[in-house]
Amino acid sequence: RWRRSTGVLRVVAVAMLAMPGCETVRFGAPVSTPSAAEIRAIDRLFAAYDGPDVPGAALVVIEHGRVALRRAWGLADLEHRTPVTEHTNFRLASLTKAFTAMGIMLLVNEGRLGLEERARDVLPDLPAYAREISIRHLLTHTSGLRAYQDLLDASATRRVTDRDVLGLLHRTDSLLFPAGS
């Protein structure tokens, strides 16, 4: 049952895993617990990250908006021998783009999202100047939106959230180039 969960699965680690049968999140629904055998199988998958001298990994599985499993292996800092914990912050940056694109394409394949849909219909907090941007433009990096890093104060040191990025985009009044060009 656990591997066939119907909740949205997020895996935050150096790799992400996809589970069959994922569907829309139902927050507050019961969360299944993996069996001891399933946990051992997951530990085997991440065994290469649990060595004494290798970068580690962390995993969280979220089902129906609640944590179903947290695991951590190996070292976050090799020099200082700091272990990875369930709370280690990994800077995944662009690594997540491929997983996001795959998730979007699964929604397109299921008929739940269209590539020509306007991004603001799905993400209404985007600025008004983004009204012509489609999902396809976001996927192909032809939206014209400015890179949020270019909008940050050079002395900023705190972690930037998605909400922060939306705020930064609202501080500008135009795209870098017309969407799709």
Protein backbone atom coordinates (compact mmCIF):
# COMPACT_ATOMS: atom_id res chain seq x y z
CA ARG A 1 0.00 0.00 0.00
CA TRP A 2 2.74 2.47 0.90
CA ARG A 3 4.46 2.25 -2.47
CA ARG A 4 1.12 2.71 -4.23
CA SER A 5 0.13 5.79 -2.30
CA THR A 6 -2.20 8.21 -4.01
CA GLY A 7 -0.70 11.28 -2.41
CA VAL A 8 1.77 13.59 -4.06
CA LEU A 9 5.26 12.25 -3.55
CA ARG A 10 8.17 14.58 -3.04
CA VAL A 11 11.63 13.28 -2.56
CA VAL A 12 14.19 15.84 -1.50
CA ALA A 13 17.65 14.39 -1.93
CA VAL A 14 20.39 14.13 -4.49
CA ALA A 15 17.87 12.09 -6.47
CA MET A 16 14.08 12.20 -6.70
CA LEU A 17 11.89 9.15 -7.00
CA ALA A 18 8.51 8.92 -8.70
CA MET A 19 5.76 6.58 -7.50
CA PRO A 20 3.02 5.17 -9.71
CA GLY A 21 -0.52 6.28 -9.11
CA CYS A 22 0.25 9.76 -7.79
CA GLU A 23 -2.69 12.14 -7.91
CA THR A 24 -3.81 15.43 -6.47
CA VAL A 25 -2.90 16.05 -2.84
CA ARG A 26 -5.66 15.51 -0.30
CA PHE A 27 -4.38 17.35 2.75
CA GLY A 28 -5.40 15.76 6.01
CA ALA A 29 -5.96 12.31 4.49
CA PRO A 30 -4.45 9.36 6.37
CA VAL A 31 -0.75 8.79 5.80
CA SER A 32 0.46 5.23 5.33
CA THR A 33 3.59 4.02 7.06
CA PRO A 34 6.24 2.11 5.14
CA SER A 35 6.97 -1.40 6.34
CA ALA A 36 10.35 -2.38 7.77
CA ALA A 37 11.07 -4.23 4.52
CA GLU A 38 10.30 -1.11 2.46
CA ILE A 39 12.57 1.00 4.68
CA ARG A 40 15.37 -1.55 4.26
CA ALA A 41 14.87 -1.43 0.48
CA ILE A 42 15.12 2.39 0.53
CA ASP A 43 18.25 2.18 2.70
CA ARG A 44 19.77 -0.19 0.11
CA LEU A 45 19.00 2.33 -2.66
CA PHE A 46 20.90 5.00 -0.75
CA ALA A 47 23.69 2.76 0.59
CA ALA A 48 26.28 4.46 -1.64
CA TYR A 49 25.58 7.73 0.21
CA ASP A 50 26.12 6.24 3.65
CA GLY A 51 29.87 5.75 3.54
CA PRO A 52 32.36 7.34 5.94
CA ASP A 53 33.97 9.54 3.26
CA VAL A 54 31.21 10.30 0.75
CA PRO A 55 28.66 13.08 0.42
CA GLY A 56 25.37 11.97 1.92
CA ALA A 57 21.71 12.30 1.05
CA ALA A 58 18.39 13.03 2.69
CA LEU A 59 14.91 11.90 1.76
CA VAL A 60 11.44 13.01 2.74
CA VAL A 61 8.25 11.46 1.41
CA ILE A 62 5.16 13.64 1.74
CA GLU A 63 1.81 11.98 1.29
CA HIS A 64 -1.44 13.95 1.46
CA GLY A 65 0.51 16.95 2.74
CA ARG A 66 2.03 15.06 5.69
CA VAL A 67 5.45 13.49 6.19
CA ALA A 68 5.27 9.72 5.70
CA LEU A 69 9.02 9.06 5.89
CA ARG A 70 12.26 10.91 6.67
CA ARG A 71 15.71 9.38 6.27
CA ALA A 72 19.28 10.69 6.16
CA TRP A 73 22.58 9.08 5.22
CA GLY A 74 26.26 10.04 5.12
CA LEU A 75 28.01 13.39 5.45
CA ALA A 76 26.84 16.92 4.65
CA ASP A 77 30.37 18.31 5.08
CA LEU A 78 33.27 15.96 4.38
CA GLU A 79 35.95 18.26 5.80
CA HIS A 80 34.22 18.75 9.14
CA ARG A 81 32.63 15.27 9.16
CA THR A 82 29.19 16.81 9.69
CA PRO A 83 26.48 14.20 9.16
CA VAL A 84 23.44 14.72 6.97
CA THR A 85 20.32 15.02 9.09
CA GLU A 86 16.64 15.15 8.26
CA HIS A 87 17.00 18.94 8.38
CA THR A 88 20.09 19.40 6.17
CA ASN A 89 19.45 22.10 3.56
CA PHE A 90 20.63 20.96 0.13
CA ARG A 91 21.12 23.61 -2.54
CA LEU A 92 19.64 21.65 -5.44
CA ALA A 93 19.24 24.71 -7.68
CA SER A 94 18.80 23.73 -11.32
CA LEU A 95 18.74 20.01 -10.58
CA THR A 96 15.03 20.32 -9.80
CA LYS A 97 14.18 21.73 -13.24
CA ALA A 98 14.12 18.30 -14.88
CA PHE A 99 11.87 16.88 -12.17
CA THR A 100 9.52 19.84 -12.36
CA ALA A 101 9.33 19.49 -16.14
CA MET A 102 8.60 15.77 -15.83
CA GLY A 103 5.84 16.47 -13.29
CA ILE A 104 4.31 19.06 -15.63
CA MET A 105 4.48 16.66 -18.57
CA LEU A 106 2.74 13.97 -16.50
CA LEU A 107 -0.08 16.46 -15.85
CA VAL A 108 -0.18 17.29 -19.58
CA ASN A 109 -0.30 13.57 -20.43
CA GLU A 110 -3.21 13.11 -18.00
CA GLY A 111 -5.06 16.02 -19.61
CA ARG A 112 -4.96 18.04 -16.39
CA LEU A 113 -2.77 20.82 -17.80
CA GLY A 114 -2.14 22.19 -21.28
CA LEU A 115 1.17 23.46 -22.60
CA GLU A 116 -0.57 26.49 -24.15
CA GLU A 117 -2.38 27.41 -20.91
CA ARG A 118 -1.42 30.79 -19.55
CA ALA A 119 0.94 30.56 -16.59
CA ARG A 120 -1.10 33.19 -14.71
CA ASP A 121 -4.15 30.89 -14.87
CA VAL A 122 -2.16 28.33 -12.87
CA LEU A 123 0.02 30.78 -10.92
CA PRO A 124 -2.23 33.82 -10.38
CA ASP A 125 0.40 35.59 -8.24
CA LEU A 126 2.61 36.18 -11.27
CA PRO A 127 2.81 39.87 -12.19
CA ALA A 128 0.34 41.27 -14.74
CA TYR A 129 3.13 41.76 -17.29
CA ALA A 130 3.47 37.94 -17.38
CA ARG A 131 -0.04 37.45 -18.84
CA GLU A 132 1.22 36.16 -22.22
CA ILE A 133 3.53 33.54 -20.73
CA SER A 134 2.37 29.96 -21.34
CA ILE A 135 3.35 26.77 -19.57
CA ARG A 136 5.36 25.90 -22.72
CA HIS A 137 7.31 29.17 -22.38
CA LEU A 138 8.20 28.32 -18.80
CA LEU A 139 9.36 24.82 -19.78
CA THR A 140 11.44 26.03 -22.72
CA HIS A 141 12.95 29.00 -20.88
CA THR A 142 11.39 31.42 -23.36
CA SER A 143 9.11 33.23 -20.89
CA GLY A 144 11.11 36.45 -20.77
CA LEU A 145 10.98 36.51 -16.97
CA ARG A 146 14.09 37.87 -15.33
CA ALA A 147 16.30 35.48 -13.38
CA TYR A 148 15.46 36.06 -9.75
CA GLN A 149 19.17 36.07 -8.88
CA ASP A 150 19.55 39.23 -10.97
CA LEU A 151 16.92 40.93 -8.78
CA LEU A 152 18.53 40.07 -5.44
CA ASP A 153 20.51 42.52 -3.39
CA ALA A 154 24.17 41.53 -3.82
CA SER A 155 24.63 41.44 -0.04
CA ALA A 156 21.62 39.14 0.59
CA THR A 157 22.57 36.00 2.47
CA ARG A 158 19.28 34.46 3.58
CA ARG A 159 17.57 31.63 1.70
CA VAL A 160 15.13 32.78 -0.97
CA THR A 161 11.69 31.18 -1.02
CA ASP A 162 9.25 30.86 -3.92
CA ARG A 163 7.14 33.61 -2.32
CA ASP A 164 10.26 35.83 -2.22
CA VAL A 165 10.83 35.22 -5.95
CA LEU A 166 7.27 36.31 -6.73
CA GLY A 167 7.86 39.46 -4.70
CA LEU A 168 11.06 40.16 -6.61
CA LEU A 169 9.25 39.71 -9.94
CA HIS A 170 6.63 42.23 -8.81
CA ARG A 171 9.39 44.82 -8.30
CA THR A 172 9.96 44.89 -12.05
CA ASP A 173 7.46 46.04 -14.64
CA SER A 174 8.36 44.12 -17.78
CA LEU A 175 9.83 41.01 -19.30
CA LEU A 176 13.39 40.87 -20.62
CA PHE A 177 11.98 39.89 -24.04
CA PRO A 178 8.54 39.01 -25.42
CA ALA A 179 7.34 35.56 -24.28
CA GLY A 180 8.11 32.91 -26.88
CA SER A 181 10.82 34.87 -28.68
